[in-house]
Amino acid sequence: MDSDLSPLSPRRVLPRGHVTSLSRPHDGILRIAVEHGRLWLTQEGDPDDHFIAAGEDLALCGPGAVVLESDGAVDAVFSVGFGPAPVPVTAQASAASVSATTGASGAAPARPLLAATGG
């Protein structure tokens, strides 16, 4: 789990074949993690549908409605977390560059930059 996201909500149970909806925050991330079963997810502004099975999660950015259906043979058990919007890599690189050239603290480059570049 990304440390910038809030802790996941208590488990929610969505009975097989039932539907629910969530709202994505305007300037953040909505993370859905499935513990048991499978969810079929469709979201406003995305032409693709997504399937999330037990042990998987999906992070969604931007505002809008998200519709979930318990699509598997059993009830779906899932949790939801929220977090801040991602910082563009160029902004992270600029911040790391400033830190490296002016930072007397000797701090290492920003951890998000390393994660974004696979480091």
PDB file of N, CA and C in Angstrom:
ATOM      1  N   MET A   1       0.842  -1.190   0.000  1.00  0.00           N
ATOM      2  CA  MET A   1       0.000   0.000   0.000  1.00  0.00           C
ATOM      3  C   MET A   1       0.879   1.242   0.000  1.00  0.00           C
ATOM      4  N   ASP A   2       0.549   2.220  -0.769  1.00  0.00           N
ATOM      5  CA  ASP A   2       1.281   3.476  -0.835  1.00  0.00           C
ATOM      6  C   ASP A   2       1.115   4.228   0.485  1.00  0.00           C
ATOM      7  N   SER A   3       2.229   4.670   1.068  1.00  0.00           N
ATOM      8  CA  SER A   3       2.172   5.334   2.376  1.00  0.00           C
ATOM      9  C   SER A   3       1.489   6.687   2.324  1.00  0.00           C
ATOM     10  N   ASP A   4       1.310   7.275   1.129  1.00  0.00           N
ATOM     11  CA  ASP A   4       0.631   8.560   1.022  1.00  0.00           C
ATOM     12  C   ASP A   4      -0.892   8.432   1.054  1.00  0.00           C
ATOM     13  N   LEU A   5      -1.412   7.200   0.949  1.00  0.00           N
ATOM     14  CA  LEU A   5      -2.853   6.999   0.984  1.00  0.00           C
ATOM     15  C   LEU A   5      -3.305   6.805   2.422  1.00  0.00           C
ATOM     16  N   SER A   6      -4.533   7.232   2.693  1.00  0.00           N
ATOM     17  CA  SER A   6      -5.089   7.008   4.024  1.00  0.00           C
ATOM     18  C   SER A   6      -5.239   5.509   4.240  1.00  0.00           C
ATOM     19  N   PRO A   7      -5.323   5.081   5.494  1.00  0.00           N
ATOM     20  CA  PRO A   7      -5.572   3.657   5.729  1.00  0.00           C
ATOM     21  C   PRO A   7      -6.870   3.252   5.027  1.00  0.00           C
ATOM     22  N   LEU A   8      -6.909   2.009   4.596  1.00  0.00           N
ATOM     23  CA  LEU A   8      -8.119   1.538   3.936  1.00  0.00           C
ATOM     24  C   LEU A   8      -9.265   1.524   4.920  1.00  0.00           C
ATOM     25  N   SER A   9     -10.460   1.742   4.412  1.00  0.00           N
ATOM     26  CA  SER A   9     -11.672   1.732   5.228  1.00  0.00           C
ATOM     27  C   SER A   9     -11.898   0.333   5.782  1.00  0.00           C
ATOM     28  N   PRO A  10     -12.780   0.227   6.764  1.00  0.00           N
ATOM     29  CA  PRO A  10     -13.154  -1.123   7.193  1.00  0.00           C
ATOM     30  C   PRO A  10     -13.699  -1.889   5.986  1.00  0.00           C
ATOM     31  N   ARG A  11     -13.600  -3.180   6.067  1.00  0.00           N
ATOM     32  CA  ARG A  11     -14.085  -4.020   4.959  1.00  0.00           C
ATOM     33  C   ARG A  11     -15.555  -3.753   4.659  1.00  0.00           C
ATOM     34  N   ARG A  12     -15.848  -3.745   3.384  1.00  0.00           N
ATOM     35  CA  ARG A  12     -17.223  -3.618   2.922  1.00  0.00           C
ATOM     36  C   ARG A  12     -17.585  -4.921   2.204  1.00  0.00           C
ATOM     37  N   VAL A  13     -18.802  -5.365   2.361  1.00  0.00           N
ATOM     38  CA  VAL A  13     -19.268  -6.571   1.682  1.00  0.00           C
ATOM     39  C   VAL A  13     -20.320  -6.171   0.659  1.00  0.00           C
ATOM     40  N   LEU A  14     -20.123  -6.598  -0.570  1.00  0.00           N
ATOM     41  CA  LEU A  14     -21.082  -6.351  -1.634  1.00  0.00           C
ATOM     42  C   LEU A  14     -21.587  -7.722  -2.095  1.00  0.00           C
ATOM     43  N   PRO A  15     -22.853  -8.031  -1.791  1.00  0.00           N
ATOM     44  CA  PRO A  15     -23.383  -9.346  -2.155  1.00  0.00           C
ATOM     45  C   PRO A  15     -23.303  -9.601  -3.665  1.00  0.00           C
ATOM     46  N   ARG A  16     -23.104 -10.843  -4.008  1.00  0.00           N
ATOM     47  CA  ARG A  16     -23.003 -11.277  -5.402  1.00  0.00           C
ATOM     48  C   ARG A  16     -24.158 -10.697  -6.231  1.00  0.00           C
ATOM     49  N   GLY A  17     -23.809 -10.052  -7.357  1.00  0.00           N
ATOM     50  CA  GLY A  17     -24.809  -9.482  -8.251  1.00  0.00           C
ATOM     51  C   GLY A  17     -25.312  -8.110  -7.857  1.00  0.00           C
ATOM     52  N   HIS A  18     -24.898  -7.602  -6.693  1.00  0.00           N
ATOM     53  CA  HIS A  18     -25.358  -6.276  -6.249  1.00  0.00           C
ATOM     54  C   HIS A  18     -24.412  -5.184  -6.751  1.00  0.00           C
ATOM     55  N   VAL A  19     -24.951  -3.948  -6.766  1.00  0.00           N
ATOM     56  CA  VAL A  19     -24.226  -2.787  -7.289  1.00  0.00           C
ATOM     57  C   VAL A  19     -24.175  -1.700  -6.227  1.00  0.00           C
ATOM     58  N   THR A  20     -23.056  -0.957  -6.199  1.00  0.00           N
ATOM     59  CA  THR A  20     -22.935   0.219  -5.343  1.00  0.00           C
ATOM     60  C   THR A  20     -22.128   1.270  -6.103  1.00  0.00           C
ATOM     61  N   SER A  21     -22.128   2.498  -5.615  1.00  0.00           N
ATOM     62  CA  SER A  21     -21.332   3.538  -6.260  1.00  0.00           C
ATOM     63  C   SER A  21     -20.525   4.305  -5.227  1.00  0.00           C
ATOM     64  N   LEU A  22     -19.432   4.880  -5.691  1.00  0.00           N
ATOM     65  CA  LEU A  22     -18.535   5.699  -4.870  1.00  0.00           C
ATOM     66  C   LEU A  22     -18.225   6.965  -5.655  1.00  0.00           C
ATOM     67  N   SER A  23     -17.780   7.991  -4.950  1.00  0.00           N
ATOM     68  CA  SER A  23     -17.320   9.214  -5.606  1.00  0.00           C
ATOM     69  C   SER A  23     -15.823   9.333  -5.440  1.00  0.00           C
ATOM     70  N   ARG A  24     -15.154   9.678  -6.544  1.00  0.00           N
ATOM     71  CA  ARG A  24     -13.713   9.923  -6.472  1.00  0.00           C
ATOM     72  C   ARG A  24     -13.496  11.356  -6.019  1.00  0.00           C
ATOM     73  N   PRO A  25     -12.466  11.584  -5.192  1.00  0.00           N
ATOM     74  CA  PRO A  25     -12.165  12.963  -4.795  1.00  0.00           C
ATOM     75  C   PRO A  25     -11.694  13.767  -6.005  1.00  0.00           C
ATOM     76  N   HIS A  26     -11.993  15.052  -6.009  1.00  0.00           N
ATOM     77  CA  HIS A  26     -11.659  15.914  -7.142  1.00  0.00           C
ATOM     78  C   HIS A  26     -10.156  15.968  -7.398  1.00  0.00           C
ATOM     79  N   ASP A  27      -9.375  16.056  -6.341  1.00  0.00           N
ATOM     80  CA  ASP A  27      -7.940  16.267  -6.530  1.00  0.00           C
ATOM     81  C   ASP A  27      -7.116  15.163  -5.865  1.00  0.00           C
ATOM     82  N   GLY A  28      -7.619  13.950  -5.886  1.00  0.00           N
ATOM     83  CA  GLY A  28      -6.885  12.885  -5.228  1.00  0.00           C
ATOM     84  C   GLY A  28      -7.079  11.536  -5.877  1.00  0.00           C
ATOM     85  N   ILE A  29      -6.710  10.522  -5.141  1.00  0.00           N
ATOM     86  CA  ILE A  29      -6.756   9.141  -5.600  1.00  0.00           C
ATOM     87  C   ILE A  29      -7.761   8.370  -4.766  1.00  0.00           C
ATOM     88  N   LEU A  30      -8.505   7.514  -5.422  1.00  0.00           N
ATOM     89  CA  LEU A  30      -9.388   6.559  -4.756  1.00  0.00           C
ATOM     90  C   LEU A  30      -8.783   5.184  -5.011  1.00  0.00           C
ATOM     91  N   ARG A  31      -8.475   4.451  -3.956  1.00  0.00           N
ATOM     92  CA  ARG A  31      -7.892   3.109  -4.098  1.00  0.00           C
ATOM     93  C   ARG A  31      -8.904   2.081  -3.618  1.00  0.00           C
ATOM     94  N   ILE A  32      -9.153   1.067  -4.429  1.00  0.00           N
ATOM     95  CA  ILE A  32     -10.061  -0.023  -4.078  1.00  0.00           C
ATOM     96  C   ILE A  32      -9.239  -1.304  -4.034  1.00  0.00           C
ATOM     97  N   ALA A  33      -9.288  -1.999  -2.902  1.00  0.00           N
ATOM     98  CA  ALA A  33      -8.556  -3.254  -2.725  1.00  0.00           C
ATOM     99  C   ALA A  33      -9.560  -4.371  -2.442  1.00  0.00           C
ATOM    100  N   VAL A  34      -9.490  -5.440  -3.217  1.00  0.00           N
ATOM    101  CA  VAL A  34     -10.412  -6.562  -3.068  1.00  0.00           C
ATOM    102  C   VAL A  34      -9.732  -7.664  -2.256  1.00  0.00           C
ATOM    103  N   GLU A  35     -10.417  -8.106  -1.228  1.00  0.00           N
ATOM    104  CA  GLU A  35      -9.908  -9.165  -0.376  1.00  0.00           C
ATOM    105  C   GLU A  35     -10.491 -10.526  -0.765  1.00  0.00           C
ATOM    106  N   HIS A  36     -11.744 -10.527  -1.197  1.00  0.00           N
ATOM    107  CA  HIS A  36     -12.439 -11.781  -1.502  1.00  0.00           C
ATOM    108  C   HIS A  36     -13.430 -11.522  -2.635  1.00  0.00           C
ATOM    109  N   GLY A  37     -13.564 -12.461  -3.559  1.00  0.00           N
ATOM    110  CA  GLY A  37     -14.497 -12.288  -4.659  1.00  0.00           C
ATOM    111  C   GLY A  37     -13.898 -11.479  -5.790  1.00  0.00           C
ATOM    112  N   ARG A  38     -14.769 -10.860  -6.569  1.00  0.00           N
ATOM    113  CA  ARG A  38     -14.337 -10.059  -7.712  1.00  0.00           C
ATOM    114  C   ARG A  38     -15.302  -8.906  -7.916  1.00  0.00           C
ATOM    115  N   LEU A  39     -14.741  -7.730  -8.262  1.00  0.00           N
ATOM    116  CA  LEU A  39     -15.546  -6.551  -8.572  1.00  0.00           C
ATOM    117  C   LEU A  39     -15.413  -6.199 -10.047  1.00  0.00           C
ATOM    118  N   TRP A  40     -16.524  -5.772 -10.616  1.00  0.00           N
ATOM    119  CA  TRP A  40     -16.553  -5.196 -11.958  1.00  0.00           C
ATOM    120  C   TRP A  40     -16.713  -3.706 -11.735  1.00  0.00           C
ATOM    121  N   LEU A  41     -15.794  -2.919 -12.256  1.00  0.00           N
ATOM    122  CA  LEU A  41     -15.764  -1.488 -11.984  1.00  0.00           C
ATOM    123  C   LEU A  41     -15.861  -0.708 -13.286  1.00  0.00           C
ATOM    124  N   THR A  42     -16.718   0.292 -13.291  1.00  0.00           N
ATOM    125  CA  THR A  42     -16.762   1.240 -14.397  1.00  0.00           C
ATOM    126  C   THR A  42     -16.734   2.636 -13.792  1.00  0.00           C
ATOM    127  N   GLN A  43     -16.085   3.553 -14.472  1.00  0.00           N
ATOM    128  CA  GLN A  43     -15.940   4.897 -13.905  1.00  0.00           C
ATOM    129  C   GLN A  43     -16.234   5.962 -14.943  1.00  0.00           C
ATOM    130  N   GLU A  44     -16.752   7.052 -14.459  1.00  0.00           N
ATOM    131  CA  GLU A  44     -17.077   8.200 -15.303  1.00  0.00           C
ATOM    132  C   GLU A  44     -15.821   8.672 -16.023  1.00  0.00           C
ATOM    133  N   GLY A  45     -15.931   8.873 -17.340  1.00  0.00           N
ATOM    134  CA  GLY A  45     -14.812   9.392 -18.113  1.00  0.00           C
ATOM    135  C   GLY A  45     -13.836   8.329 -18.590  1.00  0.00           C
ATOM    136  N   ASP A  46     -14.087   7.047 -18.299  1.00  0.00           N
ATOM    137  CA  ASP A  46     -13.199   5.968 -18.720  1.00  0.00           C
ATOM    138  C   ASP A  46     -14.010   5.001 -19.580  1.00  0.00           C
ATOM    139  N   PRO A  47     -13.664   4.842 -20.857  1.00  0.00           N
ATOM    140  CA  PRO A  47     -14.445   3.959 -21.724  1.00  0.00           C
ATOM    141  C   PRO A  47     -14.254   2.473 -21.399  1.00  0.00           C
ATOM    142  N   ASP A  48     -13.233   2.141 -20.603  1.00  0.00           N
ATOM    143  CA  ASP A  48     -12.946   0.749 -20.280  1.00  0.00           C
ATOM    144  C   ASP A  48     -13.552   0.348 -18.947  1.00  0.00           C
ATOM    145  N   ASP A  49     -13.968  -0.898 -18.860  1.00  0.00           N
ATOM    146  CA  ASP A  49     -14.376  -1.483 -17.590  1.00  0.00           C
ATOM    147  C   ASP A  49     -13.168  -2.208 -17.005  1.00  0.00           C
ATOM    148  N   HIS A  50     -13.171  -2.373 -15.696  1.00  0.00           N
ATOM    149  CA  HIS A  50     -12.059  -3.022 -15.009  1.00  0.00           C
ATOM    150  C   HIS A  50     -12.603  -4.127 -14.112  1.00  0.00           C
ATOM    151  N   PHE A  51     -11.854  -5.206 -14.004  1.00  0.00           N
ATOM    152  CA  PHE A  51     -12.193  -6.301 -13.109  1.00  0.00           C
ATOM    153  C   PHE A  51     -11.074  -6.404 -12.085  1.00  0.00           C
ATOM    154  N   ILE A  52     -11.449  -6.443 -10.813  1.00  0.00           N
ATOM    155  CA  ILE A  52     -10.472  -6.523  -9.724  1.00  0.00           C
ATOM    156  C   ILE A  52     -10.801  -7.769  -8.920  1.00  0.00           C
ATOM    157  N   ALA A  53      -9.867  -8.699  -8.873  1.00  0.00           N
ATOM    158  CA  ALA A  53     -10.078  -9.960  -8.166  1.00  0.00           C
ATOM    159  C   ALA A  53      -9.423  -9.918  -6.787  1.00  0.00           C
ATOM    160  N   ALA A  54      -9.717 -10.919  -5.980  1.00  0.00           N
ATOM    161  CA  ALA A  54      -9.143 -11.024  -4.638  1.00  0.00           C
ATOM    162  C   ALA A  54      -7.624 -10.895  -4.706  1.00  0.00           C
ATOM    163  N   GLY A  55      -7.072 -10.061  -3.816  1.00  0.00           N
ATOM    164  CA  GLY A  55      -5.635  -9.828  -3.772  1.00  0.00           C
ATOM    165  C   GLY A  55      -5.166  -8.708  -4.677  1.00  0.00           C
ATOM    166  N   GLU A  56      -6.057  -8.115  -5.449  1.00  0.00           N
ATOM    167  CA  GLU A  56      -5.694  -7.030  -6.353  1.00  0.00           C
ATOM    168  C   GLU A  56      -6.265  -5.709  -5.856  1.00  0.00           C
ATOM    169  N   ASP A  57      -5.684  -4.613  -6.357  1.00  0.00           N
ATOM    170  CA  ASP A  57      -6.231  -3.297  -6.058  1.00  0.00           C
ATOM    171  C   ASP A  57      -6.097  -2.419  -7.290  1.00  0.00           C
ATOM    172  N   LEU A  58      -6.804  -1.307  -7.263  1.00  0.00           N
ATOM    173  CA  LEU A  58      -6.805  -0.374  -8.377  1.00  0.00           C
ATOM    174  C   LEU A  58      -6.860   1.039  -7.814  1.00  0.00           C
ATOM    175  N   ALA A  59      -6.000   1.925  -8.314  1.00  0.00           N
ATOM    176  CA  ALA A  59      -6.003   3.331  -7.909  1.00  0.00           C
ATOM    177  C   ALA A  59      -6.587   4.161  -9.046  1.00  0.00           C
ATOM    178  N   LEU A  60      -7.549   5.005  -8.719  1.00  0.00           N
ATOM    179  CA  LEU A  60      -8.241   5.843  -9.698  1.00  0.00           C
ATOM    180  C   LEU A  60      -7.974   7.306  -9.383  1.00  0.00           C
ATOM    181  N   CYS A  61      -7.680   8.111 -10.409  1.00  0.00           N
ATOM    182  CA  CYS A  61      -7.412   9.537 -10.221  1.00  0.00           C
ATOM    183  C   CYS A  61      -8.518  10.374 -10.847  1.00  0.00           C
ATOM    184  N   GLY A  62      -8.715  11.547 -10.282  1.00  0.00           N
ATOM    185  CA  GLY A  62      -9.654  12.508 -10.848  1.00  0.00           C
ATOM    186  C   GLY A  62     -11.057  12.342 -10.308  1.00  0.00           C
ATOM    187  N   PRO A  63     -11.884  13.342 -10.537  1.00  0.00           N
ATOM    188  CA  PRO A  63     -13.242  13.322  -9.995  1.00  0.00           C
ATOM    189  C   PRO A  63     -14.179  12.435 -10.803  1.00  0.00           C
ATOM    190  N   GLY A  64     -15.286  12.072 -10.185  1.00  0.00           N
ATOM    191  CA  GLY A  64     -16.326  11.356 -10.903  1.00  0.00           C
ATOM    192  C   GLY A  64     -16.871  10.175 -10.134  1.00  0.00           C
ATOM    193  N   ALA A  65     -17.926   9.621 -10.685  1.00  0.00           N
ATOM    194  CA  ALA A  65     -18.579   8.476 -10.054  1.00  0.00           C
ATOM    195  C   ALA A  65     -17.899   7.178 -10.471  1.00  0.00           C
ATOM    196  N   VAL A  66     -17.901   6.224  -9.549  1.00  0.00           N
ATOM    197  CA  VAL A  66     -17.385   4.886  -9.791  1.00  0.00           C
ATOM    198  C   VAL A  66     -18.509   3.919  -9.425  1.00  0.00           C
ATOM    199  N   VAL A  67     -18.824   3.004 -10.333  1.00  0.00           N
ATOM    200  CA  VAL A  67     -19.861   2.014 -10.077  1.00  0.00           C
ATOM    201  C   VAL A  67     -19.203   0.652  -9.952  1.00  0.00           C
ATOM    202  N   LEU A  68     -19.544  -0.063  -8.881  1.00  0.00           N
ATOM    203  CA  LEU A  68     -18.981  -1.378  -8.597  1.00  0.00           C
ATOM    204  C   LEU A  68     -20.090  -2.416  -8.588  1.00  0.00           C
ATOM    205  N   GLU A  69     -19.812  -3.569  -9.174  1.00  0.00           N
ATOM    206  CA  GLU A  69     -20.735  -4.702  -9.092  1.00  0.00           C
ATOM    207  C   GLU A  69     -19.952  -5.913  -8.631  1.00  0.00           C
ATOM    208  N   SER A  70     -20.530  -6.667  -7.688  1.00  0.00           N
ATOM    209  CA  SER A  70     -19.934  -7.929  -7.261  1.00  0.00           C
ATOM    210  C   SER A  70     -20.183  -8.925  -8.383  1.00  0.00           C
ATOM    211  N   ASP A  71     -19.131  -9.243  -9.115  1.00  0.00           N
ATOM    212  CA  ASP A  71     -19.248  -9.963 -10.375  1.00  0.00           C
ATOM    213  C   ASP A  71     -18.899 -11.447 -10.286  1.00  0.00           C
ATOM    214  N   GLY A  72     -18.331 -11.891  -9.181  1.00  0.00           N
ATOM    215  CA  GLY A  72     -17.887 -13.272  -9.081  1.00  0.00           C
ATOM    216  C   GLY A  72     -18.965 -14.212  -8.601  1.00  0.00           C
ATOM    217  N   ALA A  73     -18.543 -15.422  -8.305  1.00  0.00           N
ATOM    218  CA  ALA A  73     -19.457 -16.463  -7.833  1.00  0.00           C
ATOM    219  C   ALA A  73     -19.793 -16.302  -6.351  1.00  0.00           C
ATOM    220  N   VAL A  74     -19.067 -15.424  -5.661  1.00  0.00           N
ATOM    221  CA  VAL A  74     -19.282 -15.199  -4.226  1.00  0.00           C
ATOM    222  C   VAL A  74     -19.381 -13.700  -3.957  1.00  0.00           C
ATOM    223  N   ASP A  75     -19.810 -13.337  -2.745  1.00  0.00           N
ATOM    224  CA  ASP A  75     -19.849 -11.931  -2.348  1.00  0.00           C
ATOM    225  C   ASP A  75     -18.447 -11.330  -2.441  1.00  0.00           C
ATOM    226  N   ALA A  76     -18.362 -10.052  -2.780  1.00  0.00           N
ATOM    227  CA  ALA A  76     -17.078  -9.355  -2.827  1.00  0.00           C
ATOM    228  C   ALA A  76     -16.840  -8.655  -1.494  1.00  0.00           C
ATOM    229  N   VAL A  77     -15.621  -8.768  -0.992  1.00  0.00           N
ATOM    230  CA  VAL A  77     -15.196  -8.063   0.215  1.00  0.00           C
ATOM    231  C   VAL A  77     -14.076  -7.125  -0.216  1.00  0.00           C
ATOM    232  N   PHE A  78     -14.249  -5.823   0.046  1.00  0.00           N
ATOM    233  CA  PHE A  78     -13.264  -4.844  -0.412  1.00  0.00           C
ATOM    234  C   PHE A  78     -13.131  -3.700   0.581  1.00  0.00           C
ATOM    235  N   SER A  79     -12.059  -2.929   0.409  1.00  0.00           N
ATOM    236  CA  SER A  79     -11.803  -1.740   1.219  1.00  0.00           C
ATOM    237  C   SER A  79     -11.476  -0.587   0.289  1.00  0.00           C
ATOM    238  N   VAL A  80     -11.609   0.633   0.813  1.00  0.00           N
ATOM    239  CA  VAL A  80     -11.387   1.840   0.028  1.00  0.00           C
ATOM    240  C   VAL A  80     -10.429   2.752   0.794  1.00  0.00           C
ATOM    241  N   GLY A  81      -9.509   3.392   0.075  1.00  0.00           N
ATOM    242  CA  GLY A  81      -8.599   4.371   0.665  1.00  0.00           C
ATOM    243  C   GLY A  81      -8.529   5.602  -0.218  1.00  0.00           C
ATOM    244  N   PHE A  82      -8.184   6.740   0.376  1.00  0.00           N
ATOM    245  CA  PHE A  82      -8.066   7.992  -0.365  1.00  0.00           C
ATOM    246  C   PHE A  82      -6.672   8.568  -0.148  1.00  0.00           C
ATOM    247  N   GLY A  83      -6.183   9.317  -1.121  1.00  0.00           N
ATOM    248  CA  GLY A  83      -4.877   9.945  -0.985  1.00  0.00           C
ATOM    249  C   GLY A  83      -4.769  11.169  -1.858  1.00  0.00           C
ATOM    250  N   PRO A  84      -3.652  11.877  -1.729  1.00  0.00           N
ATOM    251  CA  PRO A  84      -3.449  13.089  -2.527  1.00  0.00           C
ATOM    252  C   PRO A  84      -3.184  12.744  -3.983  1.00  0.00           C
ATOM    253  N   ALA A  85      -3.413  13.710  -4.844  1.00  0.00           N
ATOM    254  CA  ALA A  85      -3.133  13.524  -6.268  1.00  0.00           C
ATOM    255  C   ALA A  85      -1.636  13.337  -6.467  1.00  0.00           C
ATOM    256  N   PRO A  86      -1.250  12.546  -7.459  1.00  0.00           N
ATOM    257  CA  PRO A  86       0.176  12.355  -7.718  1.00  0.00           C
ATOM    258  C   PRO A  86       0.815  13.641  -8.217  1.00  0.00           C
ATOM    259  N   VAL A  87       2.083  13.829  -7.884  1.00  0.00           N
ATOM    260  CA  VAL A  87       2.836  14.988  -8.343  1.00  0.00           C
ATOM    261  C   VAL A  87       3.493  14.609  -9.666  1.00  0.00           C
ATOM    262  N   PRO A  88       3.362  15.442 -10.694  1.00  0.00           N
ATOM    263  CA  PRO A  88       4.002  15.116 -11.978  1.00  0.00           C
ATOM    264  C   PRO A  88       5.501  14.895 -11.796  1.00  0.00           C
ATOM    265  N   VAL A  89       6.062  13.978 -12.548  1.00  0.00           N
ATOM    266  CA  VAL A  89       7.481  13.636 -12.426  1.00  0.00           C
ATOM    267  C   VAL A  89       8.353  14.854 -12.643  1.00  0.00           C
ATOM    268  N   THR A  90       7.998  15.747 -13.571  1.00  0.00           N
ATOM    269  CA  THR A  90       8.819  16.931 -13.825  1.00  0.00           C
ATOM    270  C   THR A  90       8.898  17.812 -12.588  1.00  0.00           C
ATOM    271  N   ALA A  91       7.791  17.932 -11.852  1.00  0.00           N
ATOM    272  CA  ALA A  91       7.810  18.732 -10.618  1.00  0.00           C
ATOM    273  C   ALA A  91       8.649  18.041  -9.557  1.00  0.00           C
ATOM    274  N   GLN A  92       8.571  16.710  -9.483  1.00  0.00           N
ATOM    275  CA  GLN A  92       9.389  15.976  -8.520  1.00  0.00           C
ATOM    276  C   GLN A  92      10.864  16.142  -8.862  1.00  0.00           C
ATOM    277  N   ALA A  93      11.198  16.074 -10.157  1.00  0.00           N
ATOM    278  CA  ALA A  93      12.589  16.211 -10.572  1.00  0.00           C
ATOM    279  C   ALA A  93      13.121  17.594 -10.216  1.00  0.00           C
ATOM    280  N   SER A  94      12.308  18.623 -10.427  1.00  0.00           N
ATOM    281  CA  SER A  94      12.727  19.980 -10.088  1.00  0.00           C
ATOM    282  C   SER A  94      12.962  20.117  -8.595  1.00  0.00           C
ATOM    283  N   ALA A  95      12.081  19.548  -7.783  1.00  0.00           N
ATOM    284  CA  ALA A  95      12.235  19.618  -6.337  1.00  0.00           C
ATOM    285  C   ALA A  95      13.489  18.882  -5.897  1.00  0.00           C
ATOM    286  N   ALA A  96      13.761  17.724  -6.489  1.00  0.00           N
ATOM    287  CA  ALA A  96      14.956  16.963  -6.132  1.00  0.00           C
ATOM    288  C   ALA A  96      16.214  17.717  -6.546  1.00  0.00           C
ATOM    289  N   SER A  97      16.160  18.370  -7.718  1.00  0.00           N
ATOM    290  CA  SER A  97      17.300  19.132  -8.203  1.00  0.00           C
ATOM    291  C   SER A  97      17.611  20.293  -7.270  1.00  0.00           C
ATOM    292  N   VAL A  98      16.584  21.022  -6.843  1.00  0.00           N
ATOM    293  CA  VAL A  98      16.774  22.142  -5.918  1.00  0.00           C
ATOM    294  C   VAL A  98      17.343  21.618  -4.603  1.00  0.00           C
ATOM    295  N   SER A  99      16.795  20.516  -4.110  1.00  0.00           N
ATOM    296  CA  SER A  99      17.262  19.944  -2.861  1.00  0.00           C
ATOM    297  C   SER A  99      18.723  19.534  -2.966  1.00  0.00           C
ATOM    298  N   ALA A 100      19.112  18.933  -4.096  1.00  0.00           N
ATOM    299  CA  ALA A 100      20.474  18.454  -4.272  1.00  0.00           C
ATOM    300  C   ALA A 100      21.464  19.602  -4.394  1.00  0.00           C
ATOM    301  N   THR A 101      21.046  20.725  -4.978  1.00  0.00           N
ATOM    302  CA  THR A 101      21.990  21.821  -5.197  1.00  0.00           C
ATOM    303  C   THR A 101      22.021  22.820  -4.049  1.00  0.00           C
ATOM    304  N   THR A 102      20.939  22.947  -3.294  1.00  0.00           N
ATOM    305  CA  THR A 102      20.917  23.957  -2.239  1.00  0.00           C
ATOM    306  C   THR A 102      20.747  23.367  -0.847  1.00  0.00           C
ATOM    307  N   GLY A 103      20.440  22.086  -0.760  1.00  0.00           N
ATOM    308  CA  GLY A 103      20.167  21.489   0.543  1.00  0.00           C
ATOM    309  C   GLY A 103      21.422  21.229   1.345  1.00  0.00           C
ATOM    310  N   ALA A 104      21.651  21.989   2.391  1.00  0.00           N
ATOM    311  CA  ALA A 104      22.797  21.798   3.259  1.00  0.00           C
ATOM    312  C   ALA A 104      22.587  20.627   4.202  1.00  0.00           C
ATOM    313  N   SER A 105      21.379  20.098   4.246  1.00  0.00           N
ATOM    314  CA  SER A 105      21.089  19.010   5.174  1.00  0.00           C
ATOM    315  C   SER A 105      21.671  17.690   4.718  1.00  0.00           C
ATOM    316  N   GLY A 106      22.083  17.606   3.448  1.00  0.00           N
ATOM    317  CA  GLY A 106      22.615  16.355   2.935  1.00  0.00           C
ATOM    318  C   GLY A 106      21.542  15.313   2.688  1.00  0.00           C
ATOM    319  N   ALA A 107      20.293  15.728   2.575  1.00  0.00           N
ATOM    320  CA  ALA A 107      19.191  14.792   2.368  1.00  0.00           C
ATOM    321  C   ALA A 107      19.288  14.130   1.010  1.00  0.00           C
ATOM    322  N   ALA A 108      18.850  12.869   0.955  1.00  0.00           N
ATOM    323  CA  ALA A 108      18.825  12.120  -0.301  1.00  0.00           C
ATOM    324  C   ALA A 108      17.709  12.652  -1.181  1.00  0.00           C
ATOM    325  N   PRO A 109      17.764  12.366  -2.488  1.00  0.00           N
ATOM    326  CA  PRO A 109      16.674  12.791  -3.371  1.00  0.00           C
ATOM    327  C   PRO A 109      15.330  12.277  -2.871  1.00  0.00           C
ATOM    328  N   ALA A 110      14.276  12.981  -3.262  1.00  0.00           N
ATOM    329  CA  ALA A 110      12.924  12.659  -2.799  1.00  0.00           C
ATOM    330  C   ALA A 110      12.544  11.233  -3.166  1.00  0.00           C
ATOM    331  N   ARG A 111      11.993  10.506  -2.205  1.00  0.00           N
ATOM    332  CA  ARG A 111      11.574   9.118  -2.407  1.00  0.00           C
ATOM    333  C   ARG A 111      10.541   8.977  -3.518  1.00  0.00           C
ATOM    334  N   PRO A 112       9.565   9.897  -3.659  1.00  0.00           N
ATOM    335  CA  PRO A 112       8.616   9.746  -4.765  1.00  0.00           C
ATOM    336  C   PRO A 112       9.277   9.766  -6.126  1.00  0.00           C
ATOM    337  N   LEU A 113      10.353  10.534  -6.279  1.00  0.00           N
ATOM    338  CA  LEU A 113      11.061  10.570  -7.550  1.00  0.00           C
ATOM    339  C   LEU A 113      11.669   9.210  -7.834  1.00  0.00           C
ATOM    340  N   LEU A 114      12.273   8.585  -6.847  1.00  0.00           N
ATOM    341  CA  LEU A 114      12.854   7.266  -7.037  1.00  0.00           C
ATOM    342  C   LEU A 114      11.802   6.249  -7.412  1.00  0.00           C
ATOM    343  N   ALA A 115      10.650   6.313  -6.738  1.00  0.00           N
ATOM    344  CA  ALA A 115       9.578   5.379  -7.046  1.00  0.00           C
ATOM    345  C   ALA A 115       9.041   5.596  -8.459  1.00  0.00           C
ATOM    346  N   ALA A 116       8.931   6.863  -8.864  1.00  0.00           N
ATOM    347  CA  ALA A 116       8.376   7.173 -10.172  1.00  0.00           C
ATOM    348  C   ALA A 116       9.306   6.735 -11.303  1.00  0.00           C
ATOM    349  N   THR A 117      10.597   6.697 -11.023  1.00  0.00           N
ATOM    350  CA  THR A 117      11.551   6.308 -12.056  1.00  0.00           C
ATOM    351  C   THR A 117      11.977   4.864 -11.945  1.00  0.00           C
ATOM    352  N   GLY A 118      11.352   4.126 -11.002  1.00  0.00           N
ATOM    353  CA  GLY A 118      11.668   2.720 -10.847  1.00  0.00           C
ATOM    354  C   GLY A 118      12.903   2.468 -10.015  1.00  0.00           C
ATOM    355  N   GLY A 119      13.384   3.497  -9.316  1.00  0.00           N
ATOM    356  CA  GLY A 119      14.626   3.356  -8.544  1.00  0.00           C
ATOM    357  C   GLY A 119      14.421   2.904  -7.143  1.00  0.00           C
TER     358      GLY A 119
END
